[in-house]
Amino acid sequence: MLEIHRLLNKPKSPVKTEATWQVARLELDQATGERLNVGIVVTSESRTVAYRFLQNLSALRCLYNADQFEDAAFLIDQAEQCLESGQRLPEGWNITLSEPLFARGASLQAIADELYQRLVPLAAREQREEHLDNDDHPHATRNVKATVRKLLAKHLHIKESPEWWHSRPVLQTVSGRSIRAEIQVLAPSPAGLITGTVASAWYKTEYHRNASLDKAIAAALTAAKLFPSATNRVYLLEPTLADGFNAGEIETIQASIESVRYLAQDQKADVAVFSTERAIAQRILEDVGAL
């Protein structure tokens, strides 16, 4: 505790806030009791909450199978939604909070950020230089989906996701088989039913970019077959020269996008390309008739 207090009371950083902090621990398999520190939650006396959760989950691939990896991403996203809406994490859930301890710092978020770096060992991977080339950077598909969801909720003045937004795959039964559609949007609109998947082409390595695009086009093609009368769309985030990509990289990315667009159009699906998550959210709101 003394080391933590020294960390939070550096010279030239006047103490302005007193709060309690808790470590968020993920327990994917409750039968084993194995827990991993995945975040920090800080609460003021007035019950204002600041938090920071692990964004780069790639290290979990070495510990768990693909389904458990996806579960981890989903659970962390749900925990953030819960805290963002002012709720407490459910009792007996897969993410639990440690006993609260006292801390001081310049602000709630400053406390959360400093404790996060110290008490969440998996966070060290987020600092690596190759971060933009893996599948967990801030503009990776998983994080773009989370950002767009939050922007939609903020615009609609709701605490949770819109009822037509799906964080989990949509399941449909076809000829006795359960078919998964990795779509986020399934909504009625003034023009009829609309389906949509959010994806990112914001990758410098061809492997990760193609993996993201392949998954997006597969989702669009599945949705087109499951909902043939719907408007089927891919909402795709594209980097620009201003985002640290050179002209050659942008040209390669655009060629990959055109290939995806060609495949999508063949199945009467549309690829809409945007440079920001906010633009994606605005287009979705327009498509579902919320603007």
Protein backbone atom coordinates (compact mmCIF):
# COMPACT_ATOMS: atom_id res chain seq x y z
CA MET A 1 0.00 0.00 0.00
CA LEU A 2 2.84 2.44 0.80
CA GLU A 3 4.28 2.00 -2.69
CA ILE A 4 0.88 2.67 -4.22
CA HIS A 5 0.44 5.82 -2.15
CA ARG A 6 3.88 7.06 -3.27
CA LEU A 7 2.93 6.34 -6.86
CA LEU A 8 -0.24 8.35 -6.53
CA ASN A 9 1.42 11.28 -4.74
CA LYS A 10 4.18 12.29 -7.12
CA PRO A 11 5.70 15.78 -6.76
CA LYS A 12 4.15 18.44 -9.00
CA SER A 13 0.84 16.53 -9.04
CA PRO A 14 -1.28 18.16 -6.34
CA VAL A 15 -3.73 15.84 -4.62
CA LYS A 16 -7.29 16.84 -5.44
CA THR A 17 -9.25 13.63 -5.11
CA GLU A 18 -9.76 10.95 -2.50
CA ALA A 19 -11.44 7.73 -3.56
CA THR A 20 -11.58 3.97 -3.19
CA TRP A 21 -10.24 1.64 -5.85
CA GLN A 22 -10.88 -1.98 -6.77
CA VAL A 23 -9.26 -4.45 -9.13
CA ALA A 24 -11.61 -6.02 -11.69
CA ARG A 25 -10.86 -9.74 -11.97
CA LEU A 26 -11.97 -11.98 -14.82
CA GLU A 27 -12.84 -15.61 -14.07
CA LEU A 28 -13.73 -17.29 -17.37
CA ASP A 29 -13.98 -20.79 -15.90
CA GLN A 30 -15.55 -20.54 -12.47
CA ALA A 31 -14.91 -24.26 -11.88
CA THR A 32 -11.13 -23.69 -11.82
CA GLY A 33 -11.25 -20.46 -9.81
CA GLU A 34 -8.50 -18.96 -11.96
CA ARG A 35 -8.67 -15.16 -12.07
CA LEU A 36 -6.89 -12.52 -14.13
CA ASN A 37 -6.66 -8.80 -13.36
CA VAL A 38 -8.31 -7.03 -16.30
CA GLY A 39 -9.15 -3.56 -14.99
CA ILE A 40 -9.36 -0.92 -12.28
CA VAL A 41 -12.50 0.75 -10.95
CA VAL A 42 -12.23 3.95 -8.88
CA THR A 43 -15.18 5.40 -6.93
CA SER A 44 -15.41 8.81 -5.27
CA GLU A 45 -17.34 9.60 -2.10
CA SER A 46 -20.12 11.00 -4.30
CA ARG A 47 -20.27 7.62 -6.12
CA THR A 48 -18.76 9.01 -9.34
CA VAL A 49 -16.92 6.18 -11.09
CA ALA A 50 -13.83 6.10 -13.31
CA TYR A 51 -12.46 2.91 -14.77
CA ARG A 52 -9.96 1.43 -17.17
CA PHE A 53 -10.17 -2.07 -18.60
CA LEU A 54 -7.82 -4.17 -20.67
CA GLN A 55 -8.25 -3.50 -24.40
CA ASN A 56 -5.53 -5.72 -25.85
CA LEU A 57 -6.69 -9.27 -25.13
CA SER A 58 -4.29 -11.05 -27.48
CA ALA A 59 -2.35 -12.58 -24.58
CA LEU A 60 -5.48 -14.52 -23.62
CA ARG A 61 -5.23 -16.48 -26.86
CA CYS A 62 -2.34 -18.38 -25.30
CA LEU A 63 -4.43 -19.35 -22.29
CA TYR A 64 -7.92 -20.03 -23.62
CA ASN A 65 -9.68 -21.34 -26.71
CA ALA A 66 -11.35 -19.13 -29.34
CA ASP A 67 -14.79 -19.25 -27.69
CA GLN A 68 -13.39 -18.27 -24.28
CA PHE A 69 -11.38 -15.47 -25.90
CA GLU A 70 -14.59 -14.08 -27.43
CA ASP A 71 -16.34 -14.48 -24.07
CA ALA A 72 -13.61 -12.42 -22.39
CA ALA A 73 -14.05 -9.57 -24.88
CA PHE A 74 -17.83 -9.70 -24.44
CA LEU A 75 -17.65 -9.73 -20.62
CA ILE A 76 -15.27 -6.78 -20.48
CA ASP A 77 -17.50 -4.83 -22.86
CA GLN A 78 -20.53 -5.65 -20.70
CA ALA A 79 -18.68 -4.56 -17.55
CA GLU A 80 -17.87 -1.20 -19.16
CA GLN A 81 -21.50 -0.78 -20.21
CA CYS A 82 -22.65 -1.59 -16.68
CA LEU A 83 -20.33 0.94 -15.03
CA GLU A 84 -21.03 3.55 -17.69
CA SER A 85 -24.75 3.36 -16.92
CA GLY A 86 -24.17 3.76 -13.18
CA GLN A 87 -24.92 0.15 -12.24
CA ARG A 88 -22.98 -2.27 -10.09
CA LEU A 89 -21.51 -5.46 -11.51
CA PRO A 90 -23.89 -8.39 -10.86
CA GLU A 91 -23.14 -10.67 -7.91
CA GLY A 92 -21.66 -14.02 -8.87
CA TRP A 93 -20.69 -12.78 -12.32
CA ASN A 94 -17.52 -13.71 -14.25
CA ILE A 95 -16.02 -10.30 -13.53
CA THR A 96 -15.76 -9.40 -9.86
CA LEU A 97 -14.27 -6.50 -7.91
CA SER A 98 -11.76 -6.82 -5.09
CA GLU A 99 -12.30 -5.26 -1.68
CA PRO A 100 -12.16 -1.43 -1.92
CA LEU A 101 -8.97 0.29 -0.78
CA PHE A 102 -8.20 3.97 -0.26
CA ALA A 103 -6.19 6.12 -2.70
CA ARG A 104 -5.45 9.78 -3.46
CA GLY A 105 -4.68 11.37 -6.80
CA ALA A 106 -5.09 14.34 -9.12
CA SER A 107 -8.37 12.95 -10.44
CA LEU A 108 -10.41 9.75 -10.49
CA GLN A 109 -9.16 8.86 -13.98
CA ALA A 110 -5.55 9.61 -13.04
CA ILE A 111 -5.85 7.16 -10.14
CA ALA A 112 -7.41 4.54 -12.41
CA ASP A 113 -4.73 4.98 -15.09
CA GLU A 114 -1.78 4.72 -12.70
CA LEU A 115 -3.15 1.72 -10.83
CA TYR A 116 -4.00 0.07 -14.14
CA GLN A 117 -0.38 0.22 -15.27
CA ARG A 118 0.78 -1.22 -11.96
CA LEU A 119 -1.81 -3.88 -11.17
CA VAL A 120 -2.88 -5.21 -14.58
CA PRO A 121 0.21 -7.07 -15.88
CA LEU A 122 -1.42 -7.92 -19.21
CA ALA A 123 -1.57 -4.17 -19.94
CA ALA A 124 2.16 -4.21 -20.72
CA ARG A 125 1.34 -5.65 -24.14
CA GLU A 126 -0.63 -2.52 -25.02
CA GLN A 127 2.59 -0.49 -24.92
CA ARG A 128 4.45 -2.47 -27.57
CA GLU A 129 5.49 -0.70 -30.76
CA GLU A 130 3.80 -3.32 -32.93
CA HIS A 131 0.47 -2.53 -31.27
CA LEU A 132 -0.99 -1.02 -34.47
CA ASP A 133 -0.26 -4.25 -36.32
CA ASN A 134 -2.15 -6.61 -34.05
CA ASP A 135 -5.89 -7.13 -33.72
CA ASP A 136 -6.47 -5.25 -30.47
CA HIS A 137 -5.43 -1.65 -31.12
CA PRO A 138 -7.98 1.17 -30.55
CA HIS A 139 -9.23 1.07 -34.16
CA ALA A 140 -9.35 -2.72 -34.46
CA THR A 141 -12.73 -4.14 -35.37
CA ARG A 142 -13.63 -5.19 -31.81
CA ASN A 143 -12.90 -1.74 -30.42
CA VAL A 144 -14.57 0.07 -33.32
CA LYS A 145 -17.76 -1.88 -32.59
CA ALA A 146 -17.56 -0.88 -28.91
CA THR A 147 -16.97 2.78 -29.77
CA VAL A 148 -19.84 2.89 -32.26
CA ARG A 149 -22.18 1.23 -29.76
CA LYS A 150 -21.34 3.86 -27.14
CA LEU A 151 -21.87 6.69 -29.63
CA LEU A 152 -25.27 5.27 -30.60
CA ALA A 153 -26.36 5.02 -26.96
CA LYS A 154 -25.15 8.55 -26.25
CA HIS A 155 -27.06 9.99 -29.19
CA LEU A 156 -30.24 8.10 -28.26
CA HIS A 157 -29.89 9.19 -24.60
CA ILE A 158 -30.05 5.61 -23.33
CA LYS A 159 -27.85 3.80 -20.83
CA GLU A 160 -27.74 0.46 -22.60
CA SER A 161 -27.31 -0.50 -26.25
CA PRO A 162 -30.24 0.08 -28.64
CA GLU A 163 -32.49 -2.97 -28.78
CA TRP A 164 -31.56 -3.45 -32.43
CA TRP A 165 -27.81 -3.57 -31.68
CA HIS A 166 -26.40 -7.08 -31.14
CA SER A 167 -23.12 -7.57 -29.27
CA ARG A 168 -23.52 -11.31 -29.73
CA PRO A 169 -24.10 -13.09 -33.07
CA VAL A 170 -27.69 -13.25 -34.28
CA LEU A 171 -28.89 -16.88 -34.38
CA GLN A 172 -31.40 -18.09 -36.97
CA THR A 173 -32.71 -21.63 -37.47
CA VAL A 174 -32.63 -22.80 -41.08
CA SER A 175 -33.74 -26.35 -41.97
CA GLY A 176 -33.15 -27.41 -38.41
CA ARG A 177 -29.66 -25.91 -38.27
CA SER A 178 -28.61 -22.98 -36.10
CA ILE A 179 -26.90 -20.35 -38.28
CA ARG A 180 -24.81 -17.54 -36.75
CA ALA A 181 -24.78 -14.12 -38.37
CA GLU A 182 -21.99 -11.88 -37.03
CA ILE A 183 -24.04 -8.73 -37.51
CA GLN A 184 -24.47 -5.84 -35.10
CA VAL A 185 -27.48 -4.12 -36.65
CA LEU A 186 -30.80 -5.87 -37.22
CA ALA A 187 -33.47 -3.19 -37.28
CA PRO A 188 -36.69 -2.08 -38.90
CA SER A 189 -36.36 1.17 -40.81
CA PRO A 190 -38.59 3.42 -42.93
CA ALA A 191 -37.25 1.57 -46.00
CA GLY A 192 -37.70 -1.89 -44.48
CA LEU A 193 -35.48 -4.27 -42.52
CA ILE A 194 -31.77 -3.43 -42.40
CA THR A 195 -28.83 -5.55 -41.31
CA GLY A 196 -25.30 -4.31 -40.80
CA THR A 197 -21.89 -5.36 -39.61
CA VAL A 198 -19.23 -2.95 -38.35
CA ALA A 199 -15.62 -3.64 -39.30
CA SER A 200 -12.23 -1.98 -39.64
CA ALA A 201 -9.57 -1.92 -42.33
CA TRP A 202 -7.26 0.02 -39.97
CA TYR A 203 -4.37 -2.48 -40.05
CA LYS A 204 -0.87 -2.12 -41.47
CA THR A 205 -0.27 -5.85 -41.74
CA GLU A 206 -2.06 -7.60 -44.57
CA TYR A 207 -2.79 -10.65 -42.42
CA HIS A 208 -4.83 -8.78 -39.79
CA ARG A 209 -6.50 -6.48 -42.33
CA ASN A 210 -7.62 -9.38 -44.50
CA ALA A 211 -8.84 -11.33 -41.48
CA SER A 212 -11.02 -8.39 -40.48
CA LEU A 213 -12.35 -7.85 -43.99
CA ASP A 214 -12.96 -11.55 -44.61
CA LYS A 215 -15.00 -11.80 -41.43
CA ALA A 216 -17.01 -8.71 -42.39
CA ILE A 217 -17.85 -9.97 -45.88
CA ALA A 218 -18.76 -13.39 -44.48
CA ALA A 219 -21.18 -11.69 -42.07
CA ALA A 220 -22.72 -9.64 -44.90
CA LEU A 221 -23.16 -12.66 -47.15
CA THR A 222 -24.70 -14.69 -44.32
CA ALA A 223 -27.10 -11.83 -43.52
CA ALA A 224 -28.04 -11.51 -47.20
CA LYS A 225 -29.07 -15.18 -47.28
CA LEU A 226 -30.87 -15.12 -43.93
CA PHE A 227 -32.66 -11.83 -44.66
CA PRO A 228 -32.93 -11.64 -48.47
CA SER A 229 -35.46 -8.80 -48.46
CA ALA A 230 -33.39 -6.61 -46.11
CA THR A 231 -30.89 -3.89 -46.92
CA ASN A 232 -27.56 -5.52 -46.03
CA ARG A 233 -24.61 -3.26 -45.27
CA VAL A 234 -21.00 -3.31 -44.06
CA TYR A 235 -19.98 -0.16 -42.15
CA LEU A 236 -16.21 -0.06 -42.66
CA LEU A 237 -13.61 2.15 -40.99
CA GLU A 238 -10.76 3.20 -43.29
CA PRO A 239 -7.54 4.99 -42.21
CA THR A 240 -6.23 8.11 -43.96
CA LEU A 241 -2.81 9.63 -44.57
CA ALA A 242 -3.35 11.79 -41.49
CA ASP A 243 -3.56 8.63 -39.36
CA GLY A 244 0.07 7.61 -39.85
CA PHE A 245 -0.31 5.50 -43.00
CA ASN A 246 1.78 6.27 -46.07
CA ALA A 247 0.44 6.55 -49.62
CA GLY A 248 1.46 3.00 -50.53
CA GLU A 249 -0.30 1.53 -47.50
CA ILE A 250 -3.46 3.53 -48.21
CA GLU A 251 -3.46 2.34 -51.82
CA THR A 252 -3.14 -1.30 -50.71
CA ILE A 253 -5.93 -0.90 -48.15
CA GLN A 254 -8.23 0.70 -50.71
CA ALA A 255 -7.58 -2.16 -53.13
CA SER A 256 -8.55 -4.64 -50.42
CA ILE A 257 -11.73 -2.67 -49.74
CA GLU A 258 -12.64 -2.68 -53.45
CA SER A 259 -12.30 -6.47 -53.50
CA VAL A 260 -14.67 -6.71 -50.55
CA ARG A 261 -17.07 -4.27 -52.19
CA TYR A 262 -17.10 -6.40 -55.36
CA LEU A 263 -17.98 -9.56 -53.42
CA ALA A 264 -20.64 -7.75 -51.39
CA GLN A 265 -22.36 -6.22 -54.41
CA ASP A 266 -22.61 -9.65 -56.01
CA GLN A 267 -24.85 -10.63 -53.09
CA LYS A 268 -26.75 -7.32 -53.05
CA ALA A 269 -24.88 -6.08 -49.98
CA ASP A 270 -23.39 -2.60 -49.71
CA VAL A 271 -20.01 -1.52 -48.30
CA ALA A 272 -20.08 1.99 -46.83
CA VAL A 273 -16.62 3.38 -45.96
CA PHE A 274 -15.92 6.01 -43.27
CA SER A 275 -12.88 7.70 -41.74
CA THR A 276 -14.24 7.95 -38.16
CA GLU A 277 -16.35 5.90 -35.80
CA ARG A 278 -18.61 8.91 -35.30
CA ALA A 279 -19.40 8.95 -39.02
CA ILE A 280 -20.28 5.25 -38.85
CA ALA A 281 -22.64 5.86 -35.93
CA GLN A 282 -24.31 8.74 -37.75
CA ARG A 283 -24.87 6.64 -40.87
CA ILE A 284 -26.37 3.79 -38.82
CA LEU A 285 -28.74 6.22 -37.13
CA GLU A 286 -29.77 7.55 -40.53
CA ASP A 287 -30.29 4.03 -41.87
CA VAL A 288 -32.56 2.97 -38.99
CA GLY A 289 -34.52 6.22 -39.16
CA ALA A 290 -33.27 7.67 -35.89
CA LEU A 291 -32.02 10.88 -37.49
